[in-house]
Amino acid sequence: MSEQDWRSRVSQPRYGMTVRHGVMITTRDGTRLACDVYLPDRPGRYPALLSYSHYGKDLQRVTGKRAPLSPLIGNGGLEAGDSEYFVSRGYVHVIADARGSGDSEGEYCYQGPKEQEDGYDIIEWMAEQEWCDGNCGMLGMSYFAVMQYMVAAQQPPHLKAIVPYEALTDRYRQSVYHGGLLNEGFWHQWWGHVSVDGMTPLSHGYLPQAEIDRRVALLMDSPEVKHSPYLHIQLKYPRKNPLLFGWLLEPFDGPFYWERSPYRMFDRIRIPTFLATRWTSWAVHLAGAFQAYEGIDAPKKLLIMETESTMGPLRPWSDHHDLILRWYDHWLKGNDTGYMDEPPIQLLIKGRNEYRHEHEWPLARTRWTRMFLGADGTLGVDQPAQAGEAVFHNDPDLPPGRLPPAVSFQTAAFDDDVEVTGPVAFYFHAVLDQPDATWIATLRDVAPDGTSRVLTKGWLRASQRELDPALSKPYRPWQKHTGKEHIEPGRSHAYAMEIREVSNLFKAGHRLALDVRGQDSTAEDPIWVHTCNAIPTRHAVQFGAAFESFLLLPVIPEKGDQP
């Protein structure tokens, strides 16, 4: 169906909007949650969309587009979606404060079981109201989107479809500890954007005080905390940033993160799901969209796009509301918008800057290509016969504004355009002179004039390299992250690193570059800065002969090159 055709079939703006502020909903345990209800200005029964978070429903009425205080974190409450857009087209929009946030009662539990159950209760309350026809969906990005998975897993009977837009699915790997590295920069900044006053750290709800004190003492004695005044203050004053305090006390994956990870709930999500994110969201949301597409067994769509803004979709969020309307008109109103007749995946191919429909992920026509590390920083399809190593030393005292030490490898200039679309893995051997280290890998597109674009990244703590063979695939190594494995200084160890998904057309004359570092810096990325190895360490990346160190790349052949 052409775009002109489907746009003529979706709901058109016909209604004005009225608002009921401060409506209270009583949950199953008696806690009262506050919501604002945005309604069409004519009596009737309509499908209803829920936006549900801890950012504060009142913030949705602050519609100015002033830049946020942090340039890379949007104003969270403005991620609920454009009420006027959907209400004018015959939907009710309910924006609710999670328990313990905004004007709601109760203790805030950060997407814990109570907050998930509350979502069920809100949906069923909506379905009973005189303005609802019994068909409910959900709306919103980031935190709002993660809650969509969690509420859907509760299986409220009247929740008919969801649209998780920019949503992580693995709390440990995609948000808190990237490859075992604490995502410190983000969590320092993020807490200032929430509408929660006086939260008790999550750890205080399940750990005895003696165990909390023991863990804090161990952390205080670690090189990373001794090197970071921010972490020292956080451990000294837990309520300053109660979430970050909890993350620090839980450095490994387990039940604490599982109950806040939608991927553990995929088997209970049985309603149509429209997934969307952007390629440059490699640090938090990108992997979640692909994980959900693989794991949810229900009618689904996947949209991977890009935005001009470095912070992603602009706030107030209104991106792709036309496609979301097309989706909900189909599932909540029964309109034949033709959406489900189209291929399930739509990808923006960067470099080509065109959208393309696909039927599966990874793409069936992928040519998995090994690009081997070599001497003098080379990267090529042939494994070098001669063994060698590339060495760098991390610098824990790196001054602000400087890039950390690294070793870089580059392909020769491509003779023809080369498309790389799919998951990427980095397999390498290395020797350290300390019992642990942190690894960060970055892929770049290097133009003939030497300028470059960062395409994607991967992270791995050396002592957390142990793989789960049941969940790993050649293109997606899966670390257990349940404890530390001994790294013997001076001995060669093999590593397998997941690098987040990518799509890029390398134009003829361009090169692919791989940078390997032991730390990151605000000079390269002001927000996705991790707690890295704080001990000066020699890193020797080995290659050639018996050391197979290579990138596994998803090369997509041109149509004429396919077998």
Protein backbone atom coordinates (compact mmCIF):
# COMPACT_ATOMS: atom_id res chain seq x y z
CA MET A 1 0.00 0.00 0.00
CA SER A 2 1.37 3.42 -0.92
CA GLU A 3 2.02 6.03 1.74
CA GLN A 4 -0.68 8.22 0.23
CA ASP A 5 -3.18 5.35 0.50
CA TRP A 6 -2.51 4.44 4.13
CA ARG A 7 -2.45 8.06 5.23
CA SER A 8 -5.95 8.45 3.84
CA ARG A 9 -7.13 5.41 5.84
CA VAL A 10 -5.87 6.33 9.31
CA SER A 11 -7.88 8.42 11.77
CA GLN A 12 -7.95 12.10 10.87
CA PRO A 13 -7.96 15.01 13.36
CA ARG A 14 -11.61 15.66 14.24
CA TYR A 15 -11.71 16.42 17.95
CA GLY A 16 -10.68 19.07 20.40
CA MET A 17 -9.24 18.07 23.78
CA THR A 18 -10.33 18.30 27.41
CA VAL A 19 -8.25 17.33 30.43
CA ARG A 20 -9.08 15.87 33.84
CA HIS A 21 -6.16 16.50 36.18
CA GLY A 22 -5.29 14.57 39.31
CA VAL A 23 -7.61 11.59 38.83
CA MET A 24 -6.80 8.92 41.45
CA ILE A 25 -6.75 5.18 40.76
CA THR A 26 -6.81 2.67 43.61
CA THR A 27 -4.62 -0.40 43.06
CA ARG A 28 -5.13 -3.91 44.41
CA ASP A 29 -3.15 -3.15 47.60
CA GLY A 30 -4.98 0.13 48.26
CA THR A 31 -2.24 2.47 47.02
CA ARG A 32 -3.65 5.42 45.10
CA LEU A 33 -1.95 6.45 41.86
CA ALA A 34 -2.38 9.86 40.24
CA CYS A 35 -3.08 10.35 36.55
CA ASP A 36 -4.14 12.99 34.07
CA VAL A 37 -6.74 11.99 31.48
CA TYR A 38 -6.74 13.70 28.07
CA LEU A 39 -10.09 13.21 26.31
CA PRO A 40 -11.74 14.05 23.00
CA ASP A 41 -14.16 16.94 23.51
CA ARG A 42 -17.20 14.90 22.43
CA PRO A 43 -18.89 12.27 24.62
CA GLY A 44 -18.29 8.71 23.51
CA ARG A 45 -16.22 5.59 24.02
CA TYR A 46 -12.73 5.57 22.55
CA PRO A 47 -9.60 3.40 22.57
CA ALA A 48 -7.26 4.51 25.36
CA LEU A 49 -3.46 4.78 25.51
CA LEU A 50 -1.50 4.67 28.79
CA SER A 51 1.82 6.46 29.37
CA TYR A 52 3.28 5.30 32.67
CA SER A 53 6.50 6.41 34.38
CA HIS A 54 8.12 8.13 37.36
CA TYR A 55 8.99 11.36 35.53
CA GLY A 56 5.83 13.15 36.67
CA LYS A 57 2.62 13.56 34.71
CA ASP A 58 2.63 17.32 35.31
CA LEU A 59 5.78 17.71 33.23
CA GLN A 60 3.82 16.68 30.15
CA ARG A 61 2.16 20.10 30.25
CA VAL A 62 5.56 21.84 30.02
CA THR A 63 5.60 21.92 26.25
CA GLY A 64 8.42 24.37 25.57
CA LYS A 65 11.35 23.05 23.58
CA ARG A 66 14.09 24.57 25.71
CA ALA A 67 17.26 22.50 25.59
CA PRO A 68 17.63 20.16 28.59
CA LEU A 69 20.22 20.95 31.24
CA SER A 70 22.14 17.87 30.19
CA PRO A 71 22.62 17.97 26.41
CA LEU A 72 22.35 14.21 26.02
CA ILE A 73 19.51 13.31 28.40
CA GLY A 74 16.09 14.48 27.37
CA ASN A 75 13.50 15.78 29.78
CA GLY A 76 11.89 12.49 30.74
CA GLY A 77 8.31 13.60 31.32
CA LEU A 78 8.19 14.87 27.76
CA GLU A 79 8.68 11.31 26.52
CA ALA A 80 5.05 10.36 27.13
CA GLY A 81 3.87 11.23 23.62
CA ASP A 82 1.82 14.01 22.06
CA SER A 83 -1.60 13.92 23.74
CA GLU A 84 -3.18 16.37 21.32
CA TYR A 85 -2.08 14.33 18.30
CA PHE A 86 -3.83 11.16 19.45
CA VAL A 87 -6.81 12.76 21.20
CA SER A 88 -7.66 14.77 18.09
CA ARG A 89 -7.78 11.46 16.22
CA GLY A 90 -10.17 9.72 18.59
CA TYR A 91 -8.03 8.28 21.39
CA VAL A 92 -7.96 8.90 25.14
CA HIS A 93 -4.47 9.48 26.57
CA VAL A 94 -3.85 8.64 30.24
CA ILE A 95 -0.55 9.75 31.81
CA ALA A 96 0.05 8.11 35.20
CA ASP A 97 2.64 8.58 37.94
CA ALA A 98 4.25 5.36 39.17
CA ARG A 99 3.84 4.61 42.86
CA GLY A 100 6.12 6.74 44.99
CA SER A 101 6.57 9.34 42.24
CA GLY A 102 4.82 12.56 41.28
CA ASP A 103 1.46 12.78 43.04
CA SER A 104 1.06 9.03 43.60
CA GLU A 105 1.17 7.33 46.97
CA GLY A 106 3.45 4.48 48.02
CA GLU A 107 7.15 3.66 47.96
CA TYR A 108 8.96 3.97 44.64
CA CYS A 109 10.45 0.63 43.53
CA TYR A 110 12.01 1.42 40.13
CA GLN A 111 10.15 -0.90 37.75
CA GLY A 112 9.90 -3.61 40.38
CA PRO A 113 7.06 -6.14 40.70
CA LYS A 114 4.67 -3.70 42.42
CA GLU A 115 5.08 -1.11 39.66
CA GLN A 116 4.46 -3.81 37.07
CA GLU A 117 1.30 -5.02 38.83
CA ASP A 118 0.09 -1.43 39.12
CA GLY A 119 0.26 -1.18 35.33
CA TYR A 120 -2.21 -4.06 35.07
CA ASP A 121 -4.54 -2.30 37.50
CA ILE A 122 -4.37 0.99 35.59
CA ILE A 123 -5.18 -0.68 32.26
CA GLU A 124 -8.17 -2.50 33.71
CA TRP A 125 -9.37 0.70 35.43
CA MET A 126 -9.16 2.50 32.09
CA ALA A 127 -11.23 -0.19 30.38
CA GLU A 128 -14.03 0.27 32.93
CA GLN A 129 -14.39 4.03 32.42
CA GLU A 130 -17.31 5.56 30.53
CA TRP A 131 -14.93 7.08 27.97
CA CYS A 132 -13.18 3.81 27.01
CA ASP A 133 -14.42 1.23 24.51
CA GLY A 134 -12.35 -1.52 26.17
CA ASN A 135 -9.43 -1.41 23.74
CA CYS A 136 -6.22 -0.23 25.40
CA GLY A 137 -2.65 0.33 24.27
CA MET A 138 0.41 2.08 25.68
CA LEU A 139 2.53 5.01 24.55
CA GLY A 140 5.90 6.58 25.33
CA MET A 141 9.62 6.12 24.90
CA SER A 142 12.52 5.00 27.11
CA TYR A 143 11.24 4.41 30.69
CA PHE A 144 7.65 4.62 29.40
CA ALA A 145 8.54 2.02 26.77
CA VAL A 146 10.22 -0.41 29.17
CA MET A 147 7.06 -0.34 31.27
CA GLN A 148 5.07 -1.40 28.22
CA TYR A 149 6.90 -4.73 28.11
CA MET A 150 6.45 -5.22 31.84
CA VAL A 151 2.76 -4.39 31.87
CA ALA A 152 2.14 -6.57 28.80
CA ALA A 153 3.80 -9.48 30.64
CA GLN A 154 1.16 -9.05 33.38
CA GLN A 155 -1.42 -9.85 30.67
CA PRO A 156 -4.22 -7.39 31.50
CA PRO A 157 -7.17 -8.59 29.37
CA HIS A 158 -7.88 -5.18 27.84
CA LEU A 159 -4.30 -4.40 26.75
CA LYS A 160 -4.45 -5.23 23.04
CA ALA A 161 -1.11 -3.93 21.65
CA ILE A 162 2.03 -1.97 22.63
CA VAL A 163 4.69 0.26 21.04
CA PRO A 164 7.98 0.08 23.00
CA TYR A 165 9.84 2.99 21.36
CA GLU A 166 13.49 3.20 22.47
CA ALA A 167 13.36 0.52 25.17
CA LEU A 168 16.04 -1.63 26.74
CA THR A 169 15.24 -5.25 27.58
CA ASP A 170 18.24 -6.33 29.72
CA ARG A 171 18.73 -4.06 32.73
CA TYR A 172 22.24 -5.34 33.50
CA ARG A 173 23.85 -5.58 30.05
CA GLN A 174 22.10 -2.75 28.23
CA SER A 175 21.84 -0.13 30.95
CA VAL A 176 23.74 -0.53 34.20
CA TYR A 177 26.85 -2.62 33.42
CA HIS A 178 27.93 -2.63 29.78
CA GLY A 179 30.03 -5.77 29.48
CA GLY A 180 30.60 -5.58 33.24
CA LEU A 181 31.56 -1.85 33.19
CA LEU A 182 29.42 0.40 35.38
CA ASN A 183 27.61 2.98 33.23
CA GLU A 184 28.59 5.68 35.71
CA GLY A 185 28.22 8.82 33.58
CA PHE A 186 24.61 8.18 32.64
CA TRP A 187 23.41 7.28 36.11
CA HIS A 188 25.07 10.30 37.71
CA GLN A 189 23.12 12.60 35.40
CA TRP A 190 19.86 10.73 35.02
CA TRP A 191 18.68 10.78 38.65
CA GLY A 192 18.19 14.54 38.52
CA HIS A 193 15.39 14.14 35.95
CA VAL A 194 12.94 12.06 37.98
CA SER A 195 9.94 13.13 40.08
CA VAL A 196 10.84 11.06 43.13
CA ASP A 197 11.50 12.66 46.51
CA GLY A 198 13.19 10.63 49.22
CA MET A 199 13.53 7.16 47.69
CA THR A 200 14.98 4.43 49.89
CA PRO A 201 17.84 2.62 48.09
CA LEU A 202 16.56 -0.64 46.62
CA SER A 203 19.28 -2.60 48.42
CA HIS A 204 17.76 -1.64 51.78
CA GLY A 205 14.65 -3.64 50.91
CA TYR A 206 16.32 -7.04 50.65
CA LEU A 207 19.84 -6.88 52.16
CA PRO A 208 20.55 -6.87 55.91
CA GLN A 209 22.35 -3.73 57.04
CA ALA A 210 25.43 -5.78 57.97
CA GLU A 211 25.69 -7.05 54.39
CA ILE A 212 25.23 -3.54 53.00
CA ASP A 213 28.02 -2.30 55.27
CA ARG A 214 30.28 -5.16 54.19
CA ARG A 215 29.77 -4.46 50.50
CA VAL A 216 30.27 -0.72 50.96
CA ALA A 217 33.54 -1.33 52.82
CA LEU A 218 34.84 -3.55 50.01
CA LEU A 219 33.90 -0.98 47.41
CA MET A 220 35.48 1.86 49.37
CA ASP A 221 38.75 -0.08 49.30
CA SER A 222 38.64 -0.71 45.54
CA PRO A 223 40.97 1.19 43.18
CA GLU A 224 37.99 2.45 41.16
CA VAL A 225 36.30 4.12 44.14
CA LYS A 226 39.58 5.42 45.52
CA HIS A 227 40.09 7.02 42.13
CA SER A 228 36.60 8.55 41.90
CA PRO A 229 35.33 11.23 44.31
CA TYR A 230 31.87 10.82 42.75
CA LEU A 231 31.64 7.14 43.68
CA HIS A 232 33.09 7.78 47.13
CA ILE A 233 30.41 10.39 47.85
CA GLN A 234 27.72 8.09 46.49
CA LEU A 235 28.71 5.25 48.80
CA LYS A 236 29.02 7.63 51.75
CA TYR A 237 25.57 9.15 51.17
CA PRO A 238 23.30 6.46 49.65
CA ARG A 239 20.22 8.68 49.32
CA LYS A 240 22.09 11.18 47.17
CA ASN A 241 21.48 8.83 44.23
CA PRO A 242 19.72 5.75 45.62
CA LEU A 243 19.59 3.91 42.31
CA LEU A 244 23.31 4.27 41.64
CA PHE A 245 24.00 3.15 45.20
CA GLY A 246 22.02 -0.02 44.48
CA TRP A 247 23.83 -0.64 41.21
CA LEU A 248 27.20 -0.33 42.97
CA LEU A 249 26.23 -2.97 45.51
CA GLU A 250 25.15 -5.38 42.73
CA PRO A 251 28.07 -5.67 40.24
CA PHE A 252 26.92 -9.01 38.78
CA ASP A 253 23.80 -10.14 36.96
CA GLY A 254 21.14 -11.97 38.91
CA PRO A 255 17.60 -11.76 40.36
CA PHE A 256 18.02 -8.09 41.32
CA TYR A 257 18.33 -7.20 37.61
CA TRP A 258 16.21 -10.02 36.22
CA GLU A 259 13.00 -8.73 37.78
CA ARG A 260 13.64 -5.41 35.99
CA SER A 261 14.62 -6.97 32.63
CA PRO A 262 11.85 -7.42 30.06
CA TYR A 263 13.73 -10.20 28.23
CA ARG A 264 13.00 -12.45 31.20
CA MET A 265 9.27 -11.86 30.52
CA PHE A 266 9.13 -12.35 26.75
CA ASP A 267 7.32 -15.69 27.05
CA ARG A 268 4.43 -13.89 28.76
CA ILE A 269 4.08 -11.12 26.14
CA ARG A 270 1.47 -12.35 23.67
CA ILE A 271 0.05 -9.18 22.16
CA PRO A 272 1.10 -7.30 18.99
CA THR A 273 4.32 -5.35 19.56
CA PHE A 274 5.76 -2.50 17.48
CA LEU A 275 9.48 -2.03 18.28
CA ALA A 276 11.43 1.08 17.34
CA THR A 277 14.85 2.57 18.08
CA ARG A 278 17.83 4.23 16.36
CA TRP A 279 21.27 3.01 15.34
CA THR A 280 23.12 5.51 17.55
CA SER A 281 21.34 4.20 20.66
CA TRP A 282 23.98 1.46 20.92
CA ALA A 283 24.62 2.22 24.59
CA VAL A 284 21.11 1.53 25.87
CA HIS A 285 18.14 0.84 23.55
CA LEU A 286 19.42 -0.63 20.28
CA ALA A 287 20.20 -4.14 21.49
CA GLY A 288 16.86 -4.30 23.28
CA ALA A 289 14.84 -3.83 20.10
CA PHE A 290 16.61 -6.72 18.39
CA GLN A 291 16.41 -8.90 21.49
CA ALA A 292 12.67 -8.28 21.71
CA TYR A 293 12.15 -8.95 18.01
CA GLU A 294 13.86 -12.31 18.44
CA GLY A 295 12.21 -13.20 21.74
CA ILE A 296 8.56 -12.12 21.49
CA ASP A 297 6.23 -14.58 19.78
CA ALA A 298 3.40 -12.32 18.61
CA PRO A 299 2.59 -10.14 15.60
CA LYS A 300 5.36 -7.54 15.52
CA LYS A 301 7.08 -4.75 13.64
CA LEU A 302 10.65 -3.46 13.94
CA LEU A 303 11.73 0.04 12.91
CA ILE A 304 15.39 1.09 13.18
CA MET A 305 15.91 4.72 12.23
CA GLU A 306 18.14 7.66 13.02
CA THR A 307 17.69 11.15 14.38
CA GLU A 308 19.58 14.36 13.80
CA SER A 309 19.80 15.15 17.52
CA THR A 310 22.64 13.63 19.52
CA MET A 311 20.20 12.98 22.37
CA GLY A 312 17.89 11.01 20.08
CA PRO A 313 14.24 11.84 19.46
CA LEU A 314 13.42 15.42 20.34
CA ARG A 315 11.34 16.35 23.37
CA PRO A 316 8.40 16.75 23.65
CA TRP A 317 8.49 13.42 21.86
CA SER A 318 6.44 13.29 18.67
CA ASP A 319 8.60 11.20 16.31
CA HIS A 320 6.83 8.56 14.19
CA HIS A 321 3.42 9.26 15.69
CA ASP A 322 2.00 8.72 12.21
CA LEU A 323 3.29 5.13 12.16
CA ILE A 324 2.12 4.54 15.72
CA LEU A 325 -1.33 5.83 14.72
CA ARG A 326 -1.30 3.46 11.77
CA TRP A 327 -0.42 0.62 14.15
CA TYR A 328 -3.05 1.41 16.76
CA ASP A 329 -5.76 2.15 14.20
CA HIS A 330 -5.22 -1.43 13.01
CA TRP A 331 -5.17 -3.15 16.41
CA LEU A 332 -7.46 -0.93 18.50
CA LYS A 333 -9.94 0.42 15.95
CA GLY A 334 -9.98 -2.36 13.37
CA ASN A 335 -9.07 0.01 10.53
CA ASP A 336 -7.45 -1.65 7.53
CA THR A 337 -4.33 0.52 7.31
CA GLY A 338 -2.37 -2.10 5.35
CA TYR A 339 0.42 -2.07 7.91
CA MET A 340 0.47 -5.79 8.60
CA ASP A 341 0.63 -6.57 4.87
CA GLU A 342 4.11 -5.04 4.65
CA PRO A 343 7.40 -6.77 5.60
CA PRO A 344 7.92 -6.76 9.36
CA ILE A 345 11.27 -4.92 9.46
CA GLN A 346 12.16 -1.44 8.23
CA LEU A 347 15.81 -0.32 8.48
CA LEU A 348 17.52 2.95 7.71
CA ILE A 349 20.77 2.07 5.93
CA LYS A 350 23.25 4.71 7.06
CA GLY A 351 25.63 5.96 4.40
CA ARG A 352 22.97 5.10 1.83
CA ASN A 353 20.46 7.08 3.94
CA GLU A 354 17.52 5.10 2.62
CA TYR A 355 14.92 2.94 4.34
CA ARG A 356 14.64 -0.69 3.31
CA HIS A 357 12.18 -3.43 4.23
CA GLU A 358 13.48 -6.79 5.42
CA HIS A 359 11.88 -10.05 6.52
CA GLU A 360 14.29 -11.39 9.18
CA TRP A 361 17.17 -10.52 11.50
CA PRO A 362 20.04 -11.12 11.03
CA LEU A 363 19.53 -10.85 7.28
CA ALA A 364 19.48 -14.29 5.64
CA ARG A 365 21.76 -13.14 2.82
CA THR A 366 24.51 -12.00 5.21
CA ARG A 367 28.07 -12.97 4.27
CA TRP A 368 29.75 -13.36 7.64
CA THR A 369 33.25 -12.05 7.04
CA ARG A 370 36.29 -12.29 9.28
CA MET A 371 38.55 -9.23 9.23
CA PHE A 372 41.84 -10.18 10.91
CA LEU A 373 44.01 -7.85 12.94
CA GLY A 374 47.53 -7.50 11.58
CA ALA A 375 50.85 -5.71 11.92
CA ASP A 376 51.04 -1.94 11.48
CA GLY A 377 47.37 -1.55 12.35
CA THR A 378 46.00 -3.46 9.37
CA LEU A 379 42.61 -5.15 9.17
CA GLY A 380 42.05 -7.63 6.35
CA VAL A 381 40.49 -10.90 5.23
CA ASP A 382 43.74 -12.89 5.50
CA GLN A 383 45.09 -14.19 8.79
CA PRO A 384 48.72 -12.97 9.15
CA ALA A 385 51.27 -15.80 9.19
CA GLN A 386 53.55 -13.90 11.56
CA ALA A 387 52.57 -13.39 15.20
CA GLY A 388 52.62 -9.87 16.58
CA GLU A 389 51.11 -7.59 19.16
CA ALA A 390 49.82 -4.05 19.48
CA VAL A 391 50.39 -2.44 22.88
CA PHE A 392 48.86 0.45 24.79
CA HIS A 393 48.84 1.55 28.44
CA ASN A 394 45.69 2.93 30.02
CA ASP A 395 45.97 6.24 31.87
CA PRO A 396 43.70 6.44 34.95
CA ASP A 397 44.78 10.07 35.48
CA LEU A 398 43.90 11.18 31.96
CA PRO A 399 43.22 14.95 31.95
CA PRO A 400 39.72 16.03 30.87
CA GLY A 401 39.33 16.65 27.17
CA ARG A 402 41.87 14.08 26.02
CA LEU A 403 41.19 10.77 24.29
CA PRO A 404 42.50 7.69 26.12
CA PRO A 405 45.41 5.66 24.71
CA ALA A 406 44.35 3.10 22.11
CA VAL A 407 45.50 0.80 19.35
CA SER A 408 43.75 1.16 16.00
CA PHE A 409 43.32 -1.14 13.03
CA GLN A 410 42.03 -0.10 9.61
CA THR A 411 41.06 -1.84 6.41
CA ALA A 412 42.50 -0.72 3.11
CA ALA A 413 40.31 1.74 1.26
CA PHE A 414 37.33 -0.11 -0.21
CA ASP A 415 37.37 -0.36 -4.00
CA ASP A 416 33.57 -0.49 -4.15
CA ASP A 417 30.70 0.40 -1.85
CA VAL A 418 30.42 -2.17 0.97
CA GLU A 419 27.35 -2.53 3.19
CA VAL A 420 27.68 -3.84 6.74
CA THR A 421 24.31 -4.47 8.41
CA GLY A 422 23.82 -6.71 11.42
CA PRO A 423 25.36 -7.75 14.74
CA VAL A 424 29.15 -7.59 15.10
CA ALA A 425 31.52 -9.63 17.27
CA PHE A 426 35.17 -9.05 18.17
CA TYR A 427 37.32 -12.09 18.98
CA PHE A 428 40.83 -11.41 20.20
CA HIS A 429 43.77 -12.62 22.28
CA ALA A 430 45.55 -10.36 24.74
CA VAL A 431 48.09 -10.27 27.55
CA LEU A 432 47.72 -8.02 30.61
CA ASP A 433 50.24 -7.25 33.33
CA GLN A 434 47.47 -6.87 35.94
CA PRO A 435 44.78 -9.32 37.14
CA ASP A 436 41.96 -7.33 35.50
CA ALA A 437 41.28 -4.64 32.93
CA THR A 438 38.48 -3.09 30.92
CA TRP A 439 38.18 -3.28 27.13
CA ILE A 440 36.27 -0.86 24.89
CA ALA A 441 36.00 -1.38 21.12
CA THR A 442 34.77 1.27 18.69
CA LEU A 443 33.97 0.92 14.98
CA ARG A 444 34.34 3.97 12.74
CA ASP A 445 33.76 4.88 9.09
CA VAL A 446 36.86 6.77 7.94
CA ALA A 447 36.48 9.06 4.91
CA PRO A 448 39.29 9.71 2.39
CA ASP A 449 40.00 13.08 4.03
CA GLY A 450 40.61 11.38 7.40
CA THR A 451 37.40 12.46 9.10
CA SER A 452 35.39 9.68 10.68
CA ARG A 453 32.01 8.73 12.15
CA VAL A 454 31.56 6.46 15.16
CA LEU A 455 29.25 3.61 14.16
CA THR A 456 28.95 1.42 17.23
CA LYS A 457 30.75 0.20 20.35
CA GLY A 458 31.32 -2.78 22.62
CA TRP A 459 32.57 -3.19 26.19
CA LEU A 460 34.00 -6.01 28.30
CA ARG A 461 35.60 -6.38 31.72
CA ALA A 462 38.42 -8.90 31.35
CA SER A 463 37.53 -10.84 34.50
CA GLN A 464 33.92 -11.23 33.28
CA ARG A 465 34.78 -12.80 29.93
CA GLU A 466 33.19 -16.20 30.70
CA LEU A 467 30.65 -17.10 28.02
CA ASP A 468 27.31 -18.81 28.37
CA PRO A 469 27.52 -21.42 25.58
CA ALA A 470 23.76 -21.99 25.61
CA LEU A 471 23.00 -18.34 24.81
CA SER A 472 26.05 -17.39 22.72
CA LYS A 473 26.03 -17.31 18.94
CA PRO A 474 29.06 -16.67 16.70
CA TYR A 475 27.81 -13.16 15.96
CA ARG A 476 26.64 -12.52 19.55
CA PRO A 477 28.91 -13.67 22.37
CA TRP A 478 26.91 -13.77 25.60
CA GLN A 479 28.82 -13.38 28.86
CA LYS A 480 27.36 -14.80 32.06
CA HIS A 481 28.35 -11.79 34.21
CA THR A 482 27.65 -13.78 37.37
CA GLY A 483 31.14 -13.48 38.87
CA LYS A 484 34.80 -12.89 38.15
CA GLU A 485 37.18 -15.26 36.38
CA HIS A 486 40.88 -15.22 37.21
CA ILE A 487 43.10 -13.39 34.72
CA GLU A 488 46.74 -14.44 35.09
CA PRO A 489 49.09 -11.52 34.39
CA GLY A 490 51.57 -12.24 31.63
CA ARG A 491 49.51 -15.05 30.13
CA SER A 492 47.56 -14.91 26.87
CA HIS A 493 43.78 -15.05 27.27
CA ALA A 494 41.08 -15.25 24.61
CA TYR A 495 38.17 -12.80 24.64
CA ALA A 496 34.87 -12.63 22.78
CA MET A 497 33.15 -9.25 22.78
CA GLU A 498 29.69 -8.34 21.58
CA ILE A 499 29.71 -5.12 19.55
CA ARG A 500 26.30 -3.54 19.19
CA GLU A 501 24.39 -3.86 15.93
CA VAL A 502 25.24 -1.59 13.02
CA SER A 503 24.10 -0.61 9.55
CA ASN A 504 26.42 1.39 7.33
CA LEU A 505 27.30 1.68 3.67
CA PHE A 506 31.05 2.24 3.39
CA LYS A 507 31.46 4.25 0.22
CA ALA A 508 34.28 3.42 -2.18
CA GLY A 509 37.47 5.02 -0.87
CA HIS A 510 36.34 4.79 2.76
CA ARG A 511 37.87 2.53 5.40
CA LEU A 512 36.57 0.63 8.40
CA ALA A 513 38.49 1.34 11.60
CA LEU A 514 38.56 -0.57 14.89
CA ASP A 515 39.83 1.25 17.98
CA VAL A 516 40.65 -0.74 21.13
CA ARG A 517 40.97 1.13 24.43
CA GLY A 518 41.02 0.42 28.14
CA GLN A 519 38.88 3.39 29.17
CA ASP A 520 36.53 6.00 27.76
CA SER A 521 36.46 9.76 28.10
CA THR A 522 34.03 12.66 28.07
CA ALA A 523 36.16 14.02 25.22
CA GLU A 524 34.55 11.41 22.96
CA ASP A 525 31.20 10.91 24.69
CA PRO A 526 29.94 13.22 27.46
CA ILE A 527 27.46 10.76 28.93
CA TRP A 528 28.28 7.09 28.22
CA VAL A 529 31.36 7.14 30.45
CA HIS A 530 32.12 4.04 32.47
CA THR A 531 33.91 3.10 35.67
CA CYS A 532 37.02 1.66 34.06
CA ASN A 533 40.23 0.06 35.25
CA ALA A 534 41.92 2.51 37.66
CA ILE A 535 45.29 0.70 37.79
CA PRO A 536 47.96 1.55 35.17
CA THR A 537 48.00 -1.53 32.95
CA ARG A 538 49.86 -2.75 29.89
CA HIS A 539 47.44 -4.13 27.28
CA ALA A 540 48.95 -6.24 24.50
CA VAL A 541 46.50 -7.27 21.76
CA GLN A 542 47.91 -10.33 19.97
CA PHE A 543 47.38 -11.32 16.35
CA GLY A 544 48.74 -13.55 13.61
CA ALA A 545 49.89 -17.19 13.54
CA ALA A 546 48.14 -19.05 16.39
CA PHE A 547 46.36 -15.91 17.62
CA GLU A 548 43.14 -15.53 15.65
CA SER A 549 42.08 -11.99 16.46
CA PHE A 550 39.34 -10.73 14.17
CA LEU A 551 36.13 -8.80 13.69
CA LEU A 552 33.16 -10.85 12.53
CA LEU A 553 31.31 -8.52 10.18
CA PRO A 554 27.86 -8.91 8.57
CA VAL A 555 28.58 -7.95 4.97
CA ILE A 556 25.46 -7.59 2.82
CA PRO A 557 25.97 -8.33 -0.89
CA GLU A 558 24.49 -6.13 -3.57
CA LYS A 559 21.53 -7.77 -5.31
CA GLY A 560 23.61 -8.69 -8.33
CA ASP A 561 26.24 -10.35 -6.12
CA GLN A 562 23.86 -12.74 -4.37
CA PRO A 563 24.16 -16.45 -5.13
